Amino acid sequence: MANPGMQSIPTPPVDPENVEFVIFVRSKKLLQWMPLSVMKGGGPANMLVKALENDLWKKMYGNTLVENVGNAIYKDQDAIERSIRQQFPMFKATKDFEYGFKIRDKEDPKSWYMAKDIQVIPPASELGDTPIEKVNGFFQDLGKNLGLNK
């Protein structure tokens, strides 16, 4: 039974047509993942996630998903990190952030915020060059999901 004094974490509605990625952040020193946002994929993301269920495709294109998620984050990194510092007091003095993601389980949508099976995103310098046009078509805008002003 839930503690009546504790607030429950709201569950974002499930998008029945698109894969959803839960973006996590942590300090490189604290190592505790915090859910940041749910980012919805588009047609290309849906196809890639489906293809990665096949071992051959996973070997050929396994890094593509990580690179696209990472590039979507890093293109707005400064604004995202300002938002993180405002939303989470524990990150106010954090200098080095680390990002990760998981694919949201639509069969258990209430567990979206749980830090389980997270794929760590390497630093921007270690990601392949994905043209920004491809990133923009791959996901809905992460900055919009976080309420960042552009």
N, C-alpha and C. Protein backbone atom coordinates (compact mmCIF):
# COMPACT_ATOMS: atom_id res chain seq x y z
N MET A 1 0.84 -1.18 0.00
CA MET A 1 0.00 0.00 0.00
C MET A 1 0.88 1.24 0.00
N ALA A 2 0.53 2.24 -0.79
CA ALA A 2 1.33 3.44 -0.92
C ALA A 2 1.21 4.29 0.33
N ASN A 3 2.29 4.97 0.66
CA ASN A 3 2.31 5.88 1.78
C ASN A 3 1.44 7.09 1.44
N PRO A 4 0.40 7.41 2.24
CA PRO A 4 -0.49 8.51 1.89
C PRO A 4 0.19 9.87 1.87
N GLY A 5 1.31 10.02 2.55
CA GLY A 5 2.02 11.29 2.57
C GLY A 5 2.92 11.50 1.37
N MET A 6 3.17 10.44 0.61
CA MET A 6 4.07 10.54 -0.54
C MET A 6 3.29 10.81 -1.81
N GLN A 7 3.84 11.67 -2.65
CA GLN A 7 3.22 11.93 -3.94
C GLN A 7 3.63 10.83 -4.91
N SER A 8 2.68 10.42 -5.72
CA SER A 8 3.05 9.44 -6.74
C SER A 8 3.59 10.19 -7.96
N ILE A 9 4.45 9.53 -8.69
CA ILE A 9 5.04 10.12 -9.89
C ILE A 9 4.02 9.99 -11.00
N PRO A 10 3.68 11.12 -11.66
CA PRO A 10 2.68 11.04 -12.73
C PRO A 10 3.18 10.18 -13.89
N THR A 11 2.26 9.47 -14.49
CA THR A 11 2.59 8.62 -15.62
C THR A 11 2.17 9.31 -16.92
N PRO A 12 3.16 9.65 -17.77
CA PRO A 12 2.80 10.26 -19.05
C PRO A 12 1.97 9.28 -19.88
N PRO A 13 1.05 9.80 -20.68
CA PRO A 13 0.26 8.90 -21.53
C PRO A 13 1.15 8.14 -22.52
N VAL A 14 0.75 6.94 -22.83
CA VAL A 14 1.49 6.10 -23.77
C VAL A 14 1.11 6.50 -25.20
N ASP A 15 2.11 6.62 -26.05
CA ASP A 15 1.87 6.85 -27.47
C ASP A 15 1.74 5.48 -28.13
N PRO A 16 0.55 5.11 -28.59
CA PRO A 16 0.37 3.77 -29.12
C PRO A 16 1.07 3.52 -30.46
N GLU A 17 1.45 4.59 -31.16
CA GLU A 17 2.01 4.43 -32.49
C GLU A 17 3.53 4.56 -32.55
N ASN A 18 4.13 5.21 -31.56
CA ASN A 18 5.56 5.48 -31.62
C ASN A 18 6.29 4.93 -30.41
N VAL A 19 7.52 4.49 -30.66
CA VAL A 19 8.40 4.05 -29.58
C VAL A 19 8.72 5.27 -28.73
N GLU A 20 8.83 5.05 -27.42
CA GLU A 20 9.14 6.14 -26.51
C GLU A 20 10.44 5.84 -25.78
N PHE A 21 11.26 6.86 -25.65
CA PHE A 21 12.55 6.73 -24.99
C PHE A 21 12.51 7.56 -23.72
N VAL A 22 12.88 6.93 -22.61
CA VAL A 22 12.97 7.66 -21.35
C VAL A 22 14.43 8.09 -21.20
N ILE A 23 14.62 9.39 -21.10
CA ILE A 23 15.96 9.96 -20.98
C ILE A 23 16.28 10.12 -19.49
N PHE A 24 17.45 9.67 -19.10
CA PHE A 24 17.92 9.77 -17.72
C PHE A 24 19.18 10.61 -17.67
N VAL A 25 19.43 11.18 -16.49
CA VAL A 25 20.63 11.97 -16.28
C VAL A 25 21.18 11.64 -14.90
N ARG A 26 22.49 11.78 -14.77
CA ARG A 26 23.11 11.64 -13.46
C ARG A 26 24.40 12.44 -13.45
N SER A 27 24.86 12.72 -12.25
CA SER A 27 26.17 13.33 -12.08
C SER A 27 27.19 12.22 -12.20
N LYS A 28 28.31 12.51 -12.81
CA LYS A 28 29.36 11.49 -12.92
C LYS A 28 29.92 11.12 -11.55
N LYS A 29 29.66 11.97 -10.54
CA LYS A 29 30.15 11.68 -9.19
C LYS A 29 29.11 10.93 -8.36
N LEU A 30 27.83 11.26 -8.50
CA LEU A 30 26.79 10.64 -7.67
C LEU A 30 26.31 9.29 -8.19
N LEU A 31 26.26 9.14 -9.48
CA LEU A 31 25.90 7.90 -10.17
C LEU A 31 24.46 7.42 -9.96
N GLN A 32 23.59 8.23 -9.39
CA GLN A 32 22.17 7.86 -9.27
C GLN A 32 21.41 8.46 -10.44
N TRP A 33 20.79 7.60 -11.24
CA TRP A 33 20.03 8.05 -12.41
C TRP A 33 18.74 8.73 -11.97
N MET A 34 18.40 9.83 -12.64
CA MET A 34 17.14 10.52 -12.43
C MET A 34 16.42 10.60 -13.78
N PRO A 35 15.13 10.30 -13.82
CA PRO A 35 14.40 10.43 -15.09
C PRO A 35 14.30 11.90 -15.47
N LEU A 36 14.53 12.20 -16.72
CA LEU A 36 14.52 13.58 -17.19
C LEU A 36 13.31 13.86 -18.06
N SER A 37 13.05 12.98 -19.02
CA SER A 37 11.98 13.23 -19.98
C SER A 37 11.64 11.96 -20.73
N VAL A 38 10.46 11.95 -21.33
CA VAL A 38 10.08 10.90 -22.26
C VAL A 38 10.11 11.54 -23.65
N MET A 39 10.89 10.96 -24.53
CA MET A 39 11.04 11.47 -25.89
C MET A 39 10.40 10.47 -26.85
N LYS A 40 9.51 10.96 -27.69
CA LYS A 40 8.82 10.08 -28.63
C LYS A 40 9.59 9.99 -29.93
N GLY A 41 9.71 8.78 -30.42
CA GLY A 41 10.35 8.56 -31.71
C GLY A 41 9.34 8.75 -32.83
N GLY A 42 9.84 8.87 -34.01
CA GLY A 42 9.00 8.94 -35.20
C GLY A 42 9.14 7.66 -35.99
N GLY A 43 8.72 7.69 -37.23
CA GLY A 43 8.78 6.52 -38.11
C GLY A 43 10.15 5.87 -38.19
N PRO A 44 11.23 6.65 -38.43
CA PRO A 44 12.55 6.04 -38.49
C PRO A 44 12.95 5.35 -37.18
N ALA A 45 12.62 5.97 -36.04
CA ALA A 45 12.95 5.36 -34.74
C ALA A 45 12.17 4.07 -34.55
N ASN A 46 10.91 4.07 -34.94
CA ASN A 46 10.09 2.86 -34.82
C ASN A 46 10.69 1.72 -35.63
N MET A 47 11.11 2.02 -36.85
CA MET A 47 11.68 0.99 -37.72
C MET A 47 13.01 0.48 -37.16
N LEU A 48 13.85 1.37 -36.66
CA LEU A 48 15.15 0.96 -36.13
C LEU A 48 14.98 0.09 -34.89
N VAL A 49 14.11 0.47 -33.98
CA VAL A 49 13.91 -0.32 -32.76
C VAL A 49 13.39 -1.70 -33.13
N LYS A 50 12.48 -1.78 -34.07
CA LYS A 50 11.95 -3.07 -34.52
C LYS A 50 13.07 -3.90 -35.17
N ALA A 51 13.88 -3.27 -36.00
CA ALA A 51 14.98 -3.98 -36.67
C ALA A 51 15.99 -4.51 -35.66
N LEU A 52 16.21 -3.79 -34.56
CA LEU A 52 17.21 -4.19 -33.58
C LEU A 52 16.79 -5.43 -32.79
N GLU A 53 15.57 -5.89 -32.99
CA GLU A 53 15.14 -7.15 -32.36
C GLU A 53 15.80 -8.35 -33.06
N ASN A 54 16.32 -8.13 -34.26
CA ASN A 54 17.00 -9.16 -35.04
C ASN A 54 18.50 -9.06 -34.75
N ASP A 55 19.14 -10.19 -34.41
CA ASP A 55 20.56 -10.18 -34.04
C ASP A 55 21.47 -9.62 -35.14
N LEU A 56 21.19 -9.95 -36.39
CA LEU A 56 22.02 -9.46 -37.49
C LEU A 56 21.93 -7.94 -37.58
N TRP A 57 20.72 -7.41 -37.53
CA TRP A 57 20.54 -5.96 -37.59
C TRP A 57 21.17 -5.29 -36.37
N LYS A 58 21.08 -5.95 -35.22
CA LYS A 58 21.66 -5.39 -33.99
C LYS A 58 23.17 -5.25 -34.15
N LYS A 59 23.83 -6.26 -34.76
CA LYS A 59 25.27 -6.19 -34.98
C LYS A 59 25.63 -5.06 -35.94
N MET A 60 24.81 -4.88 -36.97
CA MET A 60 25.10 -3.87 -37.99
C MET A 60 24.75 -2.44 -37.55
N TYR A 61 23.64 -2.30 -36.83
CA TYR A 61 23.13 -0.96 -36.54
C TYR A 61 22.91 -0.69 -35.06
N GLY A 62 23.52 -1.49 -34.20
CA GLY A 62 23.32 -1.35 -32.76
C GLY A 62 23.66 0.02 -32.20
N ASN A 63 24.70 0.65 -32.73
CA ASN A 63 25.12 1.96 -32.22
C ASN A 63 24.28 3.10 -32.77
N THR A 64 23.54 2.86 -33.84
CA THR A 64 22.77 3.93 -34.47
C THR A 64 21.75 4.53 -33.52
N LEU A 65 21.09 3.69 -32.75
CA LEU A 65 20.10 4.19 -31.81
C LEU A 65 20.75 5.06 -30.73
N VAL A 66 21.85 4.59 -30.16
CA VAL A 66 22.57 5.36 -29.14
C VAL A 66 23.05 6.69 -29.71
N GLU A 67 23.57 6.66 -30.93
CA GLU A 67 24.06 7.89 -31.56
C GLU A 67 22.93 8.88 -31.79
N ASN A 68 21.79 8.42 -32.25
CA ASN A 68 20.66 9.33 -32.50
C ASN A 68 20.11 9.93 -31.22
N VAL A 69 19.96 9.11 -30.19
CA VAL A 69 19.48 9.63 -28.90
C VAL A 69 20.51 10.62 -28.35
N GLY A 70 21.78 10.24 -28.38
CA GLY A 70 22.83 11.12 -27.88
C GLY A 70 22.89 12.44 -28.62
N ASN A 71 22.84 12.40 -29.95
CA ASN A 71 22.89 13.63 -30.72
C ASN A 71 21.68 14.52 -30.47
N ALA A 72 20.51 13.91 -30.23
CA ALA A 72 19.32 14.70 -29.89
C ALA A 72 19.51 15.44 -28.58
N ILE A 73 20.17 14.80 -27.63
CA ILE A 73 20.45 15.45 -26.33
C ILE A 73 21.54 16.51 -26.48
N TYR A 74 22.64 16.14 -27.10
CA TYR A 74 23.79 17.04 -27.15
C TYR A 74 23.56 18.28 -28.01
N LYS A 75 22.60 18.23 -28.93
CA LYS A 75 22.36 19.44 -29.74
C LYS A 75 21.77 20.57 -28.90
N ASP A 76 21.11 20.23 -27.78
CA ASP A 76 20.55 21.22 -26.86
C ASP A 76 21.18 21.11 -25.46
N GLN A 77 22.38 20.61 -25.39
CA GLN A 77 23.00 20.27 -24.11
C GLN A 77 23.04 21.42 -23.11
N ASP A 78 23.44 22.61 -23.53
CA ASP A 78 23.55 23.72 -22.59
C ASP A 78 22.20 24.07 -21.98
N ALA A 79 21.17 24.17 -22.80
CA ALA A 79 19.83 24.49 -22.31
C ALA A 79 19.29 23.36 -21.43
N ILE A 80 19.55 22.13 -21.81
CA ILE A 80 19.09 20.98 -21.02
C ILE A 80 19.74 21.00 -19.64
N GLU A 81 21.03 21.25 -19.60
CA GLU A 81 21.74 21.25 -18.32
C GLU A 81 21.32 22.42 -17.44
N ARG A 82 21.00 23.57 -18.02
CA ARG A 82 20.45 24.67 -17.22
C ARG A 82 19.11 24.25 -16.62
N SER A 83 18.28 23.60 -17.40
CA SER A 83 16.98 23.13 -16.93
C SER A 83 17.14 22.09 -15.81
N ILE A 84 18.09 21.18 -15.97
CA ILE A 84 18.35 20.14 -14.95
C ILE A 84 18.73 20.80 -13.63
N ARG A 85 19.61 21.78 -13.69
CA ARG A 85 20.06 22.44 -12.46
C ARG A 85 18.91 23.18 -11.76
N GLN A 86 17.96 23.67 -12.55
CA GLN A 86 16.80 24.36 -11.96
C GLN A 86 15.80 23.36 -11.38
N GLN A 87 15.58 22.24 -12.07
CA GLN A 87 14.58 21.27 -11.64
C GLN A 87 15.03 20.40 -10.48
N PHE A 88 16.31 20.08 -10.42
CA PHE A 88 16.84 19.15 -9.43
C PHE A 88 17.90 19.84 -8.59
N PRO A 89 17.56 20.25 -7.36
CA PRO A 89 18.54 20.95 -6.50
C PRO A 89 19.83 20.16 -6.30
N MET A 90 19.76 18.83 -6.29
CA MET A 90 20.97 18.03 -6.08
C MET A 90 21.99 18.21 -7.20
N PHE A 91 21.55 18.72 -8.37
CA PHE A 91 22.46 18.92 -9.51
C PHE A 91 22.91 20.37 -9.67
N LYS A 92 22.57 21.22 -8.72
CA LYS A 92 22.85 22.65 -8.85
C LYS A 92 24.34 22.93 -9.12
N ALA A 93 25.23 22.21 -8.46
CA ALA A 93 26.67 22.45 -8.62
C ALA A 93 27.34 21.43 -9.54
N THR A 94 26.57 20.56 -10.17
CA THR A 94 27.14 19.52 -11.02
C THR A 94 27.78 20.11 -12.26
N LYS A 95 29.00 19.70 -12.52
CA LYS A 95 29.74 20.16 -13.71
C LYS A 95 29.67 19.12 -14.83
N ASP A 96 29.75 17.83 -14.48
CA ASP A 96 29.81 16.78 -15.48
C ASP A 96 28.59 15.87 -15.36
N PHE A 97 27.75 15.92 -16.39
CA PHE A 97 26.57 15.07 -16.44
C PHE A 97 26.82 13.87 -17.34
N GLU A 98 26.10 12.83 -17.07
CA GLU A 98 26.12 11.65 -17.92
C GLU A 98 24.65 11.36 -18.26
N TYR A 99 24.41 10.93 -19.49
CA TYR A 99 23.06 10.67 -19.96
C TYR A 99 22.89 9.20 -20.30
N GLY A 100 21.67 8.76 -20.21
CA GLY A 100 21.31 7.41 -20.59
C GLY A 100 19.85 7.38 -21.02
N PHE A 101 19.43 6.22 -21.52
CA PHE A 101 18.04 6.09 -21.93
C PHE A 101 17.63 4.64 -21.86
N LYS A 102 16.33 4.45 -21.87
CA LYS A 102 15.75 3.12 -22.04
C LYS A 102 14.52 3.28 -22.90
N ILE A 103 14.12 2.19 -23.51
CA ILE A 103 12.88 2.19 -24.28
C ILE A 103 11.75 1.92 -23.30
N ARG A 104 10.75 2.76 -23.33
CA ARG A 104 9.63 2.63 -22.39
C ARG A 104 8.85 1.35 -22.66
N ASP A 105 8.56 0.65 -21.60
CA ASP A 105 7.77 -0.58 -21.68
C ASP A 105 6.30 -0.20 -21.68
N LYS A 106 5.65 -0.34 -22.82
CA LYS A 106 4.24 0.06 -22.94
C LYS A 106 3.31 -0.91 -22.21
N GLU A 107 3.82 -2.09 -21.87
CA GLU A 107 3.03 -3.04 -21.10
C GLU A 107 3.01 -2.67 -19.61
N ASP A 108 3.98 -1.86 -19.19
CA ASP A 108 4.08 -1.42 -17.81
C ASP A 108 4.41 0.07 -17.79
N PRO A 109 3.49 0.91 -18.26
CA PRO A 109 3.80 2.34 -18.43
C PRO A 109 4.12 3.07 -17.13
N LYS A 110 3.63 2.58 -15.99
CA LYS A 110 3.88 3.27 -14.72
C LYS A 110 5.33 3.12 -14.25
N SER A 111 6.08 2.20 -14.83
CA SER A 111 7.48 2.01 -14.43
C SER A 111 8.44 2.86 -15.27
N TRP A 112 7.91 3.80 -16.03
CA TRP A 112 8.73 4.59 -16.95
C TRP A 112 9.92 5.26 -16.27
N TYR A 113 9.77 5.68 -15.03
CA TYR A 113 10.80 6.46 -14.35
C TYR A 113 11.85 5.61 -13.64
N MET A 114 11.67 4.30 -13.62
CA MET A 114 12.59 3.43 -12.88
C MET A 114 13.90 3.25 -13.66
N ALA A 115 15.01 3.42 -12.96
CA ALA A 115 16.34 3.35 -13.58
C ALA A 115 16.75 1.89 -13.73
N LYS A 116 16.19 1.24 -14.73
CA LYS A 116 16.45 -0.17 -14.99
C LYS A 116 16.73 -0.35 -16.48
N ASP A 117 17.74 -1.15 -16.81
CA ASP A 117 18.11 -1.43 -18.21
C ASP A 117 18.45 -0.15 -18.98
N ILE A 118 19.21 0.72 -18.36
CA ILE A 118 19.58 1.98 -19.00
C ILE A 118 20.79 1.79 -19.90
N GLN A 119 20.69 2.31 -21.10
CA GLN A 119 21.79 2.31 -22.06
C GLN A 119 22.52 3.64 -21.88
N VAL A 120 23.78 3.60 -21.46
CA VAL A 120 24.56 4.82 -21.24
C VAL A 120 24.93 5.43 -22.59
N ILE A 121 24.81 6.74 -22.67
CA ILE A 121 25.17 7.47 -23.89
C ILE A 121 26.58 8.00 -23.71
N PRO A 122 27.48 7.67 -24.63
CA PRO A 122 28.86 8.17 -24.51
C PRO A 122 28.90 9.70 -24.67
N PRO A 123 30.00 10.33 -24.27
CA PRO A 123 30.15 11.77 -24.49
C PRO A 123 30.00 12.11 -25.97
N ALA A 124 29.61 13.34 -26.24
CA ALA A 124 29.38 13.79 -27.63
C ALA A 124 30.59 13.52 -28.52
N SER A 125 31.79 13.68 -27.97
CA SER A 125 33.01 13.49 -28.76
C SER A 125 33.20 12.05 -29.24
N GLU A 126 32.50 11.10 -28.59
CA GLU A 126 32.63 9.69 -28.97
C GLU A 126 31.50 9.20 -29.88
N LEU A 127 30.53 10.06 -30.15
CA LEU A 127 29.43 9.66 -31.02
C LEU A 127 29.80 9.86 -32.47
N GLY A 128 29.22 9.07 -33.34
CA GLY A 128 29.42 9.26 -34.77
C GLY A 128 28.71 10.52 -35.23
N ASP A 129 29.08 10.98 -36.38
CA ASP A 129 28.44 12.18 -36.93
C ASP A 129 27.13 11.79 -37.60
N THR A 130 26.04 12.15 -36.96
CA THR A 130 24.72 11.95 -37.53
C THR A 130 24.26 13.32 -37.99
N PRO A 131 23.95 13.47 -39.28
CA PRO A 131 23.48 14.79 -39.73
C PRO A 131 22.28 15.23 -38.90
N ILE A 132 22.25 16.51 -38.54
CA ILE A 132 21.21 17.03 -37.67
C ILE A 132 19.82 16.84 -38.28
N GLU A 133 19.73 16.82 -39.61
CA GLU A 133 18.44 16.61 -40.25
C GLU A 133 17.89 15.22 -39.90
N LYS A 134 18.77 14.23 -39.81
CA LYS A 134 18.34 12.88 -39.45
C LYS A 134 17.88 12.82 -38.01
N VAL A 135 18.59 13.50 -37.12
CA VAL A 135 18.19 13.52 -35.71
C VAL A 135 16.82 14.18 -35.58
N ASN A 136 16.62 15.27 -36.31
CA ASN A 136 15.34 15.98 -36.22
C ASN A 136 14.18 15.12 -36.70
N GLY A 137 14.39 14.26 -37.66
CA GLY A 137 13.32 13.39 -38.14
C GLY A 137 13.13 12.16 -37.28
N PHE A 138 14.14 11.83 -36.50
CA PHE A 138 14.14 10.60 -35.71
C PHE A 138 13.30 10.74 -34.44
N PHE A 139 13.32 11.92 -33.84
CA PHE A 139 12.63 12.17 -32.58
C PHE A 139 11.82 13.44 -32.64
N GLN A 140 10.83 13.50 -31.76
CA GLN A 140 10.21 14.79 -31.49
C GLN A 140 11.25 15.57 -30.69
N ASP A 141 11.18 16.87 -30.74
CA ASP A 141 12.20 17.73 -30.15
C ASP A 141 12.30 17.56 -28.64
N LEU A 142 13.45 17.14 -28.16
CA LEU A 142 13.67 16.94 -26.72
C LEU A 142 13.52 18.26 -25.97
N GLY A 143 14.03 19.35 -26.54
CA GLY A 143 13.92 20.65 -25.88
C GLY A 143 12.47 21.03 -25.63
N LYS A 144 11.58 20.71 -26.57
CA LYS A 144 10.16 21.01 -26.39
C LYS A 144 9.60 20.16 -25.25
N ASN A 145 10.01 18.89 -25.17
CA ASN A 145 9.54 18.01 -24.09
C ASN A 145 9.96 18.52 -22.73
N LEU A 146 11.11 19.19 -22.66
CA LEU A 146 11.61 19.69 -21.37
C LEU A 146 11.11 21.11 -21.09
N GLY A 147 10.38 21.68 -22.04
CA GLY A 147 9.88 23.04 -21.86
C GLY A 147 10.95 24.10 -22.02
N LEU A 148 11.99 23.81 -22.80
CA LEU A 148 13.08 24.77 -22.99
C LEU A 148 12.64 25.81 -24.01
N ASN A 149 12.99 27.03 -23.75
CA ASN A 149 12.70 28.11 -24.71
C ASN A 149 13.84 28.21 -25.69
N LYS A 150 13.49 28.38 -26.93
CA LYS A 150 14.52 28.51 -27.97
C LYS A 150 14.52 29.91 -28.53
